[in-house]
Amino acid sequence: ISFYESGNFIQDGVRPNFYDNPVEDGVLMSRELGK
């Protein structure tokens, strides 16, 4: 998360129980290009 934030990605929200093995929430991140 810190790595992507250093690359100008932002957190958009959380997707509950997105991952398996183990079950875990997924943090949604995005970066708009040209900004």
Full PDB file with SEQRES, HELIX, SHEET, SSBOND, CRYST1, ORIGX, SCALE, CONECT and MASTER records, all heavy atoms in Angstrom:
SEQRES   1 A   35  ILE SER PHE TYR GLU SER GLY ASN PHE ILE GLN ASP GLY          
SEQRES   2 A   35  VAL ARG PRO ASN PHE TYR ASP ASN PRO VAL GLU ASP GLY          
SEQRES   3 A   35  VAL LEU MET SER ARG GLU LEU GLY LYS                          
HELIX    1 AA1 SER A    2  SER A    6  1                                   5    
SHEET    1 AA1 2 ILE A  10  TYR A  19  0                                        
SHEET    2 AA1 2 GLU A  24  SER A  30 -1                                        
CRYST1    1.000    1.000    1.000  90.00  90.00  90.00 P 1           1          
ORIGX1      1.000000  0.000000  0.000000        0.00000                         
ORIGX2      0.000000  1.000000  0.000000        0.00000                         
ORIGX3      0.000000  0.000000  1.000000        0.00000                         
SCALE1      1.000000  0.000000  0.000000        0.00000                         
SCALE2      0.000000  1.000000  0.000000        0.00000                         
SCALE3      0.000000  0.000000  1.000000        0.00000                         
ATOM      1  N   ILE A   1       0.836  -1.205   0.000  1.00  0.00           N  
ATOM      2  CA  ILE A   1       0.000   0.000   0.000  1.00  0.00           C  
ATOM      3  C   ILE A   1       0.868   1.250   0.000  1.00  0.00           C  
ATOM      4  O   ILE A   1       0.630   2.205  -0.759  1.00  0.00           O  
ATOM      5  CB  ILE A   1      -0.960  -0.017   1.209  1.00  0.00           C  
ATOM      6  CG1 ILE A   1      -1.983  -1.142   1.040  1.00  0.00           C  
ATOM      7  CG2 ILE A   1      -1.666   1.335   1.346  1.00  0.00           C  
ATOM      8  CD1 ILE A   1      -2.851  -1.381   2.267  1.00  0.00           C  
ATOM      9  N   SER A   2       1.904   1.249   0.832  1.00  0.00           N  
ATOM     10  CA  SER A   2       2.826   2.392   0.895  1.00  0.00           C  
ATOM     11  C   SER A   2       3.553   2.577  -0.440  1.00  0.00           C  
ATOM     12  O   SER A   2       3.738   3.710  -0.909  1.00  0.00           O  
ATOM     13  CB  SER A   2       3.835   2.181   2.022  1.00  0.00           C  
ATOM     14  OG  SER A   2       4.786   3.226   2.050  1.00  0.00           O  
ATOM     15  N   PHE A   3       3.960   1.467  -1.074  1.00  0.00           N  
ATOM     16  CA  PHE A   3       4.645   1.533  -2.364  1.00  0.00           C  
ATOM     17  C   PHE A   3       3.758   2.190  -3.413  1.00  0.00           C  
ATOM     18  O   PHE A   3       4.186   3.094  -4.146  1.00  0.00           O  
ATOM     19  CB  PHE A   3       5.042   0.124  -2.814  1.00  0.00           C  
ATOM     20  CG  PHE A   3       5.471   0.026  -4.251  1.00  0.00           C  
ATOM     21  CD1 PHE A   3       6.702   0.522  -4.671  1.00  0.00           C  
ATOM     22  CD2 PHE A   3       4.629  -0.544  -5.196  1.00  0.00           C  
ATOM     23  CE1 PHE A   3       7.080   0.432  -6.002  1.00  0.00           C  
ATOM     24  CE2 PHE A   3       5.008  -0.635  -6.531  1.00  0.00           C  
ATOM     25  CZ  PHE A   3       6.235  -0.145  -6.927  1.00  0.00           C  
ATOM     26  N   TYR A   4       2.506   1.755  -3.496  1.00  0.00           N  
ATOM     27  CA  TYR A   4       1.613   2.319  -4.508  1.00  0.00           C  
ATOM     28  C   TYR A   4       1.277   3.787  -4.201  1.00  0.00           C  
ATOM     29  O   TYR A   4       1.182   4.611  -5.119  1.00  0.00           O  
ATOM     30  CB  TYR A   4       0.340   1.486  -4.621  1.00  0.00           C  
ATOM     31  CG  TYR A   4       0.573   0.142  -5.261  1.00  0.00           C  
ATOM     32  CD1 TYR A   4       0.302  -1.036  -4.578  1.00  0.00           C  
ATOM     33  CD2 TYR A   4       1.084   0.041  -6.550  1.00  0.00           C  
ATOM     34  CE1 TYR A   4       0.528  -2.275  -5.163  1.00  0.00           C  
ATOM     35  CE2 TYR A   4       1.325  -1.188  -7.142  1.00  0.00           C  
ATOM     36  CZ  TYR A   4       1.040  -2.342  -6.440  1.00  0.00           C  
ATOM     37  OH  TYR A   4       1.280  -3.565  -7.027  1.00  0.00           O  
ATOM     38  N   GLU A   5       1.125   4.113  -2.917  1.00  0.00           N  
ATOM     39  CA  GLU A   5       0.868   5.509  -2.569  1.00  0.00           C  
ATOM     40  C   GLU A   5       2.044   6.400  -2.948  1.00  0.00           C  
ATOM     41  O   GLU A   5       1.849   7.549  -3.369  1.00  0.00           O  
ATOM     42  CB  GLU A   5       0.559   5.622  -1.076  1.00  0.00           C  
ATOM     43  CG  GLU A   5      -0.817   5.094  -0.712  1.00  0.00           C  
ATOM     44  CD  GLU A   5      -1.123   5.195   0.770  1.00  0.00           C  
ATOM     45  OE1 GLU A   5      -0.153   5.248   1.575  1.00  0.00           O  
ATOM     46  OE2 GLU A   5      -2.304   5.209   1.133  1.00  0.00           O  
ATOM     47  N   SER A   6       3.264   5.874  -2.855  1.00  0.00           N  
ATOM     48  CA  SER A   6       4.426   6.654  -3.281  1.00  0.00           C  
ATOM     49  C   SER A   6       4.437   6.872  -4.788  1.00  0.00           C  
ATOM     50  O   SER A   6       5.107   7.779  -5.291  1.00  0.00           O  
ATOM     51  CB  SER A   6       5.724   5.954  -2.852  1.00  0.00           C  
ATOM     52  OG  SER A   6       5.946   4.773  -3.610  1.00  0.00           O  
ATOM     53  N   GLY A   7       3.691   6.026  -5.523  1.00  0.00           N  
ATOM     54  CA  GLY A   7       3.553   6.175  -6.972  1.00  0.00           C  
ATOM     55  C   GLY A   7       2.290   6.914  -7.362  1.00  0.00           C  
ATOM     56  O   GLY A   7       1.816   6.774  -8.491  1.00  0.00           O  
ATOM     57  N   ASN A   8       1.725   7.688  -6.420  1.00  0.00           N  
ATOM     58  CA  ASN A   8       0.554   8.550  -6.663  1.00  0.00           C  
ATOM     59  C   ASN A   8      -0.751   7.785  -6.826  1.00  0.00           C  
ATOM     60  O   ASN A   8      -1.712   8.313  -7.390  1.00  0.00           O  
ATOM     61  CB  ASN A   8       0.788   9.462  -7.874  1.00  0.00           C  
ATOM     62  CG  ASN A   8       1.910  10.449  -7.646  1.00  0.00           C  
ATOM     63  OD1 ASN A   8       2.013  11.037  -6.576  1.00  0.00           O  
ATOM     64  ND2 ASN A   8       2.779  10.607  -8.640  1.00  0.00           N  
ATOM     65  N   PHE A   9      -0.811   6.552  -6.326  1.00  0.00           N  
ATOM     66  CA  PHE A   9      -2.083   5.849  -6.251  1.00  0.00           C  
ATOM     67  C   PHE A   9      -2.812   6.317  -4.996  1.00  0.00           C  
ATOM     68  O   PHE A   9      -2.199   6.629  -3.976  1.00  0.00           O  
ATOM     69  CB  PHE A   9      -1.872   4.336  -6.193  1.00  0.00           C  
ATOM     70  CG  PHE A   9      -1.579   3.711  -7.517  1.00  0.00           C  
ATOM     71  CD1 PHE A   9      -0.319   3.824  -8.091  1.00  0.00           C  
ATOM     72  CD2 PHE A   9      -2.561   3.004  -8.208  1.00  0.00           C  
ATOM     73  CE1 PHE A   9      -0.033   3.242  -9.320  1.00  0.00           C  
ATOM     74  CE2 PHE A   9      -2.290   2.424  -9.436  1.00  0.00           C  
ATOM     75  CZ  PHE A   9      -1.025   2.544  -9.995  1.00  0.00           C  
ATOM     76  N   ILE A  10      -4.141   6.341  -5.068  1.00  0.00           N  
ATOM     77  CA  ILE A  10      -4.945   6.721  -3.917  1.00  0.00           C  
ATOM     78  C   ILE A  10      -5.859   5.568  -3.540  1.00  0.00           C  
ATOM     79  O   ILE A  10      -6.189   4.716  -4.375  1.00  0.00           O  
ATOM     80  CB  ILE A  10      -5.786   7.989  -4.194  1.00  0.00           C  
ATOM     81  CG1 ILE A  10      -6.769   7.751  -5.356  1.00  0.00           C  
ATOM     82  CG2 ILE A  10      -4.896   9.190  -4.472  1.00  0.00           C  
ATOM     83  CD1 ILE A  10      -7.765   8.873  -5.549  1.00  0.00           C  
ATOM     84  N   GLN A  11      -6.270   5.529  -2.251  1.00  0.00           N  
ATOM     85  CA  GLN A  11      -7.194   4.507  -1.798  1.00  0.00           C  
ATOM     86  C   GLN A  11      -8.630   4.932  -2.119  1.00  0.00           C  
ATOM     87  O   GLN A  11      -9.044   6.029  -1.764  1.00  0.00           O  
ATOM     88  CB  GLN A  11      -7.028   4.263  -0.294  1.00  0.00           C  
ATOM     89  CG  GLN A  11      -5.661   3.685   0.070  1.00  0.00           C  
ATOM     90  CD  GLN A  11      -5.597   3.247   1.513  1.00  0.00           C  
ATOM     91  OE1 GLN A  11      -6.585   2.815   2.098  1.00  0.00           O  
ATOM     92  NE2 GLN A  11      -4.401   3.351   2.105  1.00  0.00           N  
ATOM     93  N   ASP A  12      -9.363   4.033  -2.783  1.00  0.00           N  
ATOM     94  CA  ASP A  12     -10.732   4.342  -3.181  1.00  0.00           C  
ATOM     95  C   ASP A  12     -11.786   3.673  -2.295  1.00  0.00           C  
ATOM     96  O   ASP A  12     -12.955   4.034  -2.349  1.00  0.00           O  
ATOM     97  CB  ASP A  12     -10.972   3.885  -4.632  1.00  0.00           C  
ATOM     98  CG  ASP A  12     -10.106   4.649  -5.618  1.00  0.00           C  
ATOM     99  OD1 ASP A  12      -9.968   5.865  -5.447  1.00  0.00           O  
ATOM    100  OD2 ASP A  12      -9.573   4.017  -6.544  1.00  0.00           O  
ATOM    101  N   GLY A  13     -11.365   2.694  -1.520  1.00  0.00           N  
ATOM    102  CA  GLY A  13     -12.333   1.990  -0.689  1.00  0.00           C  
ATOM    103  C   GLY A  13     -11.835   0.612  -0.333  1.00  0.00           C  
ATOM    104  O   GLY A  13     -10.682   0.260  -0.579  1.00  0.00           O  
ATOM    105  N   VAL A  14     -12.719  -0.185   0.244  1.00  0.00           N  
ATOM    106  CA  VAL A  14     -12.388  -1.538   0.685  1.00  0.00           C  
ATOM    107  C   VAL A  14     -13.409  -2.509   0.123  1.00  0.00           C  
ATOM    108  O   VAL A  14     -14.614  -2.236   0.113  1.00  0.00           O  
ATOM    109  CB  VAL A  14     -12.369  -1.622   2.231  1.00  0.00           C  
ATOM    110  CG1 VAL A  14     -12.168  -3.071   2.683  1.00  0.00           C  
ATOM    111  CG2 VAL A  14     -11.274  -0.731   2.803  1.00  0.00           C  
ATOM    112  N   ARG A  15     -12.940  -3.648  -0.359  1.00  0.00           N  
ATOM    113  CA  ARG A  15     -13.805  -4.712  -0.840  1.00  0.00           C  
ATOM    114  C   ARG A  15     -13.778  -5.831   0.202  1.00  0.00           C  
ATOM    115  O   ARG A  15     -12.784  -6.555   0.321  1.00  0.00           O  
ATOM    116  CB  ARG A  15     -13.327  -5.200  -2.204  1.00  0.00           C  
ATOM    117  CG  ARG A  15     -14.228  -6.229  -2.859  1.00  0.00           C  
ATOM    118  CD  ARG A  15     -13.812  -6.477  -4.281  1.00  0.00           C  
ATOM    119  NE  ARG A  15     -14.134  -5.338  -5.145  1.00  0.00           N  
ATOM    120  CZ  ARG A  15     -13.775  -5.238  -6.415  1.00  0.00           C  
ATOM    121  NH1 ARG A  15     -13.076  -6.205  -6.973  1.00  0.00           N  
ATOM    122  NH2 ARG A  15     -14.099  -4.183  -7.128  1.00  0.00           N  
ATOM    123  N   PRO A  16     -14.855  -5.999   0.970  1.00  0.00           N  
ATOM    124  CA  PRO A  16     -14.863  -6.976   2.072  1.00  0.00           C  
ATOM    125  C   PRO A  16     -14.643  -8.412   1.581  1.00  0.00           C  
ATOM    126  O   PRO A  16     -15.190  -8.834   0.563  1.00  0.00           O  
ATOM    127  CB  PRO A  16     -16.256  -6.816   2.684  1.00  0.00           C  
ATOM    128  CG  PRO A  16     -16.705  -5.448   2.260  1.00  0.00           C  
ATOM    129  CD  PRO A  16     -16.108  -5.234   0.909  1.00  0.00           C  
ATOM    130  N   ASN A  17     -13.803  -9.136   2.337  1.00  0.00           N  
ATOM    131  CA  ASN A  17     -13.560 -10.568   2.105  1.00  0.00           C  
ATOM    132  C   ASN A  17     -13.201 -10.877   0.652  1.00  0.00           C  
ATOM    133  O   ASN A  17     -13.600 -11.904   0.098  1.00  0.00           O  
ATOM    134  CB  ASN A  17     -14.805 -11.378   2.501  1.00  0.00           C  
ATOM    135  CG  ASN A  17     -15.183 -11.176   3.954  1.00  0.00           C  
ATOM    136  OD1 ASN A  17     -14.304 -11.033   4.816  1.00  0.00           O  
ATOM    137  ND2 ASN A  17     -16.478 -11.125   4.224  1.00  0.00           N  
ATOM    138  N   PHE A  18     -12.433  -9.991   0.052  1.00  0.00           N  
ATOM    139  CA  PHE A  18     -12.075 -10.145  -1.364  1.00  0.00           C  
ATOM    140  C   PHE A  18     -11.087 -11.293  -1.574  1.00  0.00           C  
ATOM    141  O   PHE A  18     -11.142 -11.999  -2.576  1.00  0.00           O  
ATOM    142  CB  PHE A  18     -11.488  -8.840  -1.891  1.00  0.00           C  
ATOM    143  CG  PHE A  18     -11.082  -8.891  -3.342  1.00  0.00           C  
ATOM    144  CD1 PHE A  18     -12.042  -8.904  -4.342  1.00  0.00           C  
ATOM    145  CD2 PHE A  18      -9.744  -8.941  -3.707  1.00  0.00           C  
ATOM    146  CE1 PHE A  18     -11.674  -8.960  -5.672  1.00  0.00           C  
ATOM    147  CE2 PHE A  18      -9.369  -8.994  -5.034  1.00  0.00           C  
ATOM    148  CZ  PHE A  18     -10.338  -9.000  -6.029  1.00  0.00           C  
ATOM    149  N   TYR A  19     -10.186 -11.481  -0.640  1.00  0.00           N  
ATOM    150  CA  TYR A  19      -9.131 -12.480  -0.806  1.00  0.00           C  
ATOM    151  C   TYR A  19      -9.460 -13.772  -0.056  1.00  0.00           C  
ATOM    152  O   TYR A  19     -10.111 -13.750   0.993  1.00  0.00           O  
ATOM    153  CB  TYR A  19      -7.790 -11.933  -0.301  1.00  0.00           C  
ATOM    154  CG  TYR A  19      -7.203 -10.862  -1.182  1.00  0.00           C  
ATOM    155  CD1 TYR A  19      -7.341  -9.513  -0.860  1.00  0.00           C  
ATOM    156  CD2 TYR A  19      -6.500 -11.190  -2.343  1.00  0.00           C  
ATOM    157  CE1 TYR A  19      -6.792  -8.528  -1.663  1.00  0.00           C  
ATOM    158  CE2 TYR A  19      -5.953 -10.205  -3.150  1.00  0.00           C  
ATOM    159  CZ  TYR A  19      -6.106  -8.881  -2.809  1.00  0.00           C  
ATOM    160  OH  TYR A  19      -5.571  -7.902  -3.607  1.00  0.00           O  
ATOM    161  N   ASP A  20      -8.970 -14.877  -0.582  1.00  0.00           N  
ATOM    162  CA  ASP A  20      -9.029 -16.174   0.079  1.00  0.00           C  
ATOM    163  C   ASP A  20      -7.625 -16.556   0.551  1.00  0.00           C  
ATOM    164  O   ASP A  20      -6.622 -15.972   0.138  1.00  0.00           O  
ATOM    165  CB  ASP A  20      -9.546 -17.251  -0.891  1.00  0.00           C  
ATOM    166  CG  ASP A  20     -10.977 -16.971  -1.334  1.00  0.00           C  
ATOM    167  OD1 ASP A  20     -11.783 -16.539  -0.486  1.00  0.00           O  
ATOM    168  OD2 ASP A  20     -11.275 -17.175  -2.523  1.00  0.00           O  
ATOM    169  N   ASN A  21      -7.570 -17.551   1.408  1.00  0.00           N  
ATOM    170  CA  ASN A  21      -6.308 -18.198   1.776  1.00  0.00           C  
ATOM    171  C   ASN A  21      -5.208 -17.228   2.229  1.00  0.00           C  
ATOM    172  O   ASN A  21      -4.146 -17.167   1.593  1.00  0.00           O  
ATOM    173  CB  ASN A  21      -5.806 -19.041   0.583  1.00  0.00           C  
ATOM    174  CG  ASN A  21      -4.675 -19.984   0.979  1.00  0.00           C  
ATOM    175  OD1 ASN A  21      -4.593 -20.406   2.130  1.00  0.00           O  
ATOM    176  ND2 ASN A  21      -3.807 -20.276   0.020  1.00  0.00           N  
ATOM    177  N   PRO A  22      -5.409 -16.449   3.311  1.00  0.00           N  
ATOM    178  CA  PRO A  22      -6.584 -16.415   4.179  1.00  0.00           C  
ATOM    179  C   PRO A  22      -7.601 -15.388   3.677  1.00  0.00           C  
ATOM    180  O   PRO A  22      -7.281 -14.513   2.883  1.00  0.00           O  
ATOM    181  CB  PRO A  22      -5.986 -15.976   5.518  1.00  0.00           C  
ATOM    182  CG  PRO A  22      -4.868 -15.073   5.119  1.00  0.00           C  
ATOM    183  CD  PRO A  22      -4.274 -15.668   3.871  1.00  0.00           C  
ATOM    184  N   VAL A  23      -8.823 -15.499   4.204  1.00  0.00           N  
ATOM    185  CA  VAL A  23      -9.862 -14.528   3.867  1.00  0.00           C  
ATOM    186  C   VAL A  23      -9.459 -13.161   4.412  1.00  0.00           C  
ATOM    187  O   VAL A  23      -9.048 -13.026   5.571  1.00  0.00           O  
ATOM    188  CB  VAL A  23     -11.220 -14.951   4.458  1.00  0.00           C  
ATOM    189  CG1 VAL A  23     -12.271 -13.860   4.222  1.00  0.00           C  
ATOM    190  CG2 VAL A  23     -11.673 -16.267   3.835  1.00  0.00           C  
ATOM    191  N   GLU A  24      -9.551 -12.141   3.546  1.00  0.00           N  
ATOM    192  CA  GLU A  24      -9.094 -10.804   3.947  1.00  0.00           C  
ATOM    193  C   GLU A  24      -9.725  -9.758   3.036  1.00  0.00           C  
ATOM    194  O   GLU A  24     -10.021 -10.032   1.865  1.00  0.00           O  
ATOM    195  CB  GLU A  24      -7.567 -10.730   3.861  1.00  0.00           C  
ATOM    196  CG  GLU A  24      -6.984  -9.449   4.431  1.00  0.00           C  
ATOM    197  CD  GLU A  24      -5.455  -9.480   4.445  1.00  0.00           C  
ATOM    198  OE1 GLU A  24      -4.859 -10.553   4.179  1.00  0.00           O  
ATOM    199  OE2 GLU A  24      -4.862  -8.426   4.722  1.00  0.00           O  
ATOM    200  N   ASP A  25      -9.912  -8.560   3.571  1.00  0.00           N  
ATOM    201  CA  ASP A  25     -10.435  -7.458   2.768  1.00  0.00           C  
ATOM    202  C   ASP A  25      -9.396  -7.005   1.753  1.00  0.00           C  
ATOM    203  O   ASP A  25      -8.181  -7.114   1.972  1.00  0.00           O  
ATOM    204  CB  ASP A  25     -10.802  -6.267   3.658  1.00  0.00           C  
ATOM    205  CG  ASP A  25     -11.979  -6.567   4.572  1.00  0.00           C  
ATOM    206  OD1 ASP A  25     -12.643  -7.595   4.353  1.00  0.00           O  
ATOM    207  OD2 ASP A  25     -12.211  -5.774   5.508  1.00  0.00           O  
ATOM    208  N   GLY A  26      -9.884  -6.486   0.640  1.00  0.00           N  
ATOM    209  CA  GLY A  26      -9.001  -5.919  -0.371  1.00  0.00           C  
ATOM    210  C   GLY A  26      -9.130  -4.407  -0.406  1.00  0.00           C  
ATOM    211  O   GLY A  26     -10.247  -3.871  -0.405  1.00  0.00           O  
ATOM    212  N   VAL A  27      -8.011  -3.706  -0.404  1.00  0.00           N  
ATOM    213  CA  VAL A  27      -8.010  -2.246  -0.513  1.00  0.00           C  
ATOM    214  C   VAL A  27      -8.002  -1.876  -1.987  1.00  0.00           C  
ATOM    215  O   VAL A  27      -7.123  -2.320  -2.750  1.00  0.00           O  
ATOM    216  CB  VAL A  27      -6.788  -1.633   0.196  1.00  0.00           C  
ATOM    217  CG1 VAL A  27      -6.770  -0.115   0.011  1.00  0.00           C  
ATOM    218  CG2 VAL A  27      -6.800  -1.988   1.676  1.00  0.00           C  
ATOM    219  N   LEU A  28      -8.973  -1.098  -2.421  1.00  0.00           N  
ATOM    220  CA  LEU A  28      -9.063  -0.644  -3.813  1.00  0.00           C  
ATOM    221  C   LEU A  28      -8.226   0.621  -3.974  1.00  0.00           C  
ATOM    222  O   LEU A  28      -8.364   1.568  -3.191  1.00  0.00           O  
ATOM    223  CB  LEU A  28     -10.512  -0.359  -4.195  1.00  0.00           C  
ATOM    224  CG  LEU A  28     -11.500  -1.512  -4.003  1.00  0.00           C  
ATOM    225  CD1 LEU A  28     -12.915  -1.050  -4.291  1.00  0.00           C  
ATOM    226  CD2 LEU A  28     -11.128  -2.667  -4.905  1.00  0.00           C  
ATOM    227  N   MET A  29      -7.371   0.643  -4.990  1.00  0.00           N  
ATOM    228  CA  MET A  29      -6.518   1.798  -5.237  1.00  0.00           C  
ATOM    229  C   MET A  29      -6.548   2.140  -6.724  1.00  0.00           C  
ATOM    230  O   MET A  29      -6.797   1.266  -7.575  1.00  0.00           O  
ATOM    231  CB  MET A  29      -5.073   1.522  -4.792  1.00  0.00           C  
ATOM    232  CG  MET A  29      -4.946   1.085  -3.350  1.00  0.00           C  
ATOM    233  SD  MET A  29      -3.223   0.943  -2.791  1.00  0.00           S  
ATOM    234  CE  MET A  29      -2.768   2.677  -2.640  1.00  0.00           C  
ATOM    235  N   SER A  30      -6.276   3.389  -7.054  1.00  0.00           N  
ATOM    236  CA  SER A  30      -6.268   3.800  -8.462  1.00  0.00           C  
ATOM    237  C   SER A  30      -5.341   4.990  -8.657  1.00  0.00           C  
ATOM    238  O   SER A  30      -4.994   5.690  -7.689  1.00  0.00           O  
ATOM    239  CB  SER A  30      -7.672   4.170  -8.951  1.00  0.00           C  
ATOM    240  OG  SER A  30      -8.150   5.322  -8.290  1.00  0.00           O  
ATOM    241  N   ARG A  31      -4.956   5.174  -9.909  1.00  0.00           N  
ATOM    242  CA  ARG A  31      -4.143   6.339 -10.295  1.00  0.00           C  
ATOM    243  C   ARG A  31      -4.640   6.854 -11.623  1.00  0.00           C  
ATOM    244  O   ARG A  31      -4.750   6.095 -12.597  1.00  0.00           O  
ATOM    245  CB  ARG A  31      -2.677   5.960 -10.392  1.00  0.00           C  
ATOM    246  CG  ARG A  31      -1.819   7.002 -11.122  1.00  0.00           C  
ATOM    247  CD  ARG A  31      -0.384   6.930 -10.703  1.00  0.00           C  
ATOM    248  NE  ARG A  31       0.554   7.567 -11.583  1.00  0.00           N  
ATOM    249  CZ  ARG A  31       0.572   8.847 -11.957  1.00  0.00           C  
ATOM    250  NH1 ARG A  31      -0.374   9.659 -11.539  1.00  0.00           N  
ATOM    251  NH2 ARG A  31       1.510   9.318 -12.758  1.00  0.00           N  
ATOM    252  N   GLU A  32      -4.988   8.131 -11.679  1.00  0.00           N  
ATOM    253  CA  GLU A  32      -5.376   8.761 -12.942  1.00  0.00           C  
ATOM    254  C   GLU A  32      -4.125   9.251 -13.639  1.00  0.00           C  
ATOM    255  O   GLU A  32      -3.340   9.997 -13.058  1.00  0.00           O  
ATOM    256  CB  GLU A  32      -6.354   9.908 -12.690  1.00  0.00           C  
ATOM    257  CG  GLU A  32      -7.717   9.444 -12.208  1.00  0.00           C  
ATOM    258  CD  GLU A  32      -8.737  10.570 -12.200  1.00  0.00           C  
ATOM    259  OE1 GLU A  32      -8.722  11.371 -13.151  1.00  0.00           O  
ATOM    260  OE2 GLU A  32      -9.508  10.636 -11.229  1.00  0.00           O  
ATOM    261  N   LEU A  33      -3.936   8.844 -14.885  1.00  0.00           N  
ATOM    262  CA  LEU A  33      -2.742   9.233 -15.639  1.00  0.00           C  
ATOM    263  C   LEU A  33      -2.878  10.642 -16.170  1.00  0.00           C  
ATOM    264  O   LEU A  33      -3.966  11.135 -16.412  1.00  0.00           O  
ATOM    265  CB  LEU A  33      -2.508   8.240 -16.781  1.00  0.00           C  
ATOM    266  CG  LEU A  33      -2.284   6.797 -16.336  1.00  0.00           C  
ATOM    267  CD1 LEU A  33      -2.112   5.892 -17.532  1.00  0.00           C  
ATOM    268  CD2 LEU A  33      -1.073   6.688 -15.411  1.00  0.00           C  
ATOM    269  N   GLY A  34      -1.746  11.285 -16.344  1.00  0.00           N  
ATOM    270  CA  GLY A  34      -1.726  12.645 -16.859  1.00  0.00           C  
ATOM    271  C   GLY A  34      -1.909  13.688 -15.780  1.00  0.00           C  
ATOM    272  O   GLY A  34      -2.019  14.881 -16.065  1.00  0.00           O  
ATOM    273  N   LYS A  35      -1.950  13.247 -14.517  1.00  0.00           N  
ATOM    274  CA  LYS A  35      -2.115  14.184 -13.420  1.00  0.00           C  
ATOM    275  C   LYS A  35      -0.890  14.154 -12.540  1.00  0.00           C  
ATOM    276  O   LYS A  35      -0.206  13.165 -12.460  1.00  0.00           O  
ATOM    277  CB  LYS A  35      -3.356  13.835 -12.588  1.00  0.00           C  
ATOM    278  CG  LYS A  35      -4.653  14.068 -13.339  1.00  0.00           C  
ATOM    279  CD  LYS A  35      -5.834  13.953 -12.404  1.00  0.00           C  
ATOM    280  CE  LYS A  35      -7.135  14.296 -13.102  1.00  0.00           C  
ATOM    281  NZ  LYS A  35      -8.289  14.237 -12.191  1.00  0.00           N  
TER     282      LYS A  35                                                      
MASTER        0    0    0    1    2    0    0    6  281    1    0    3          
END                                                                             
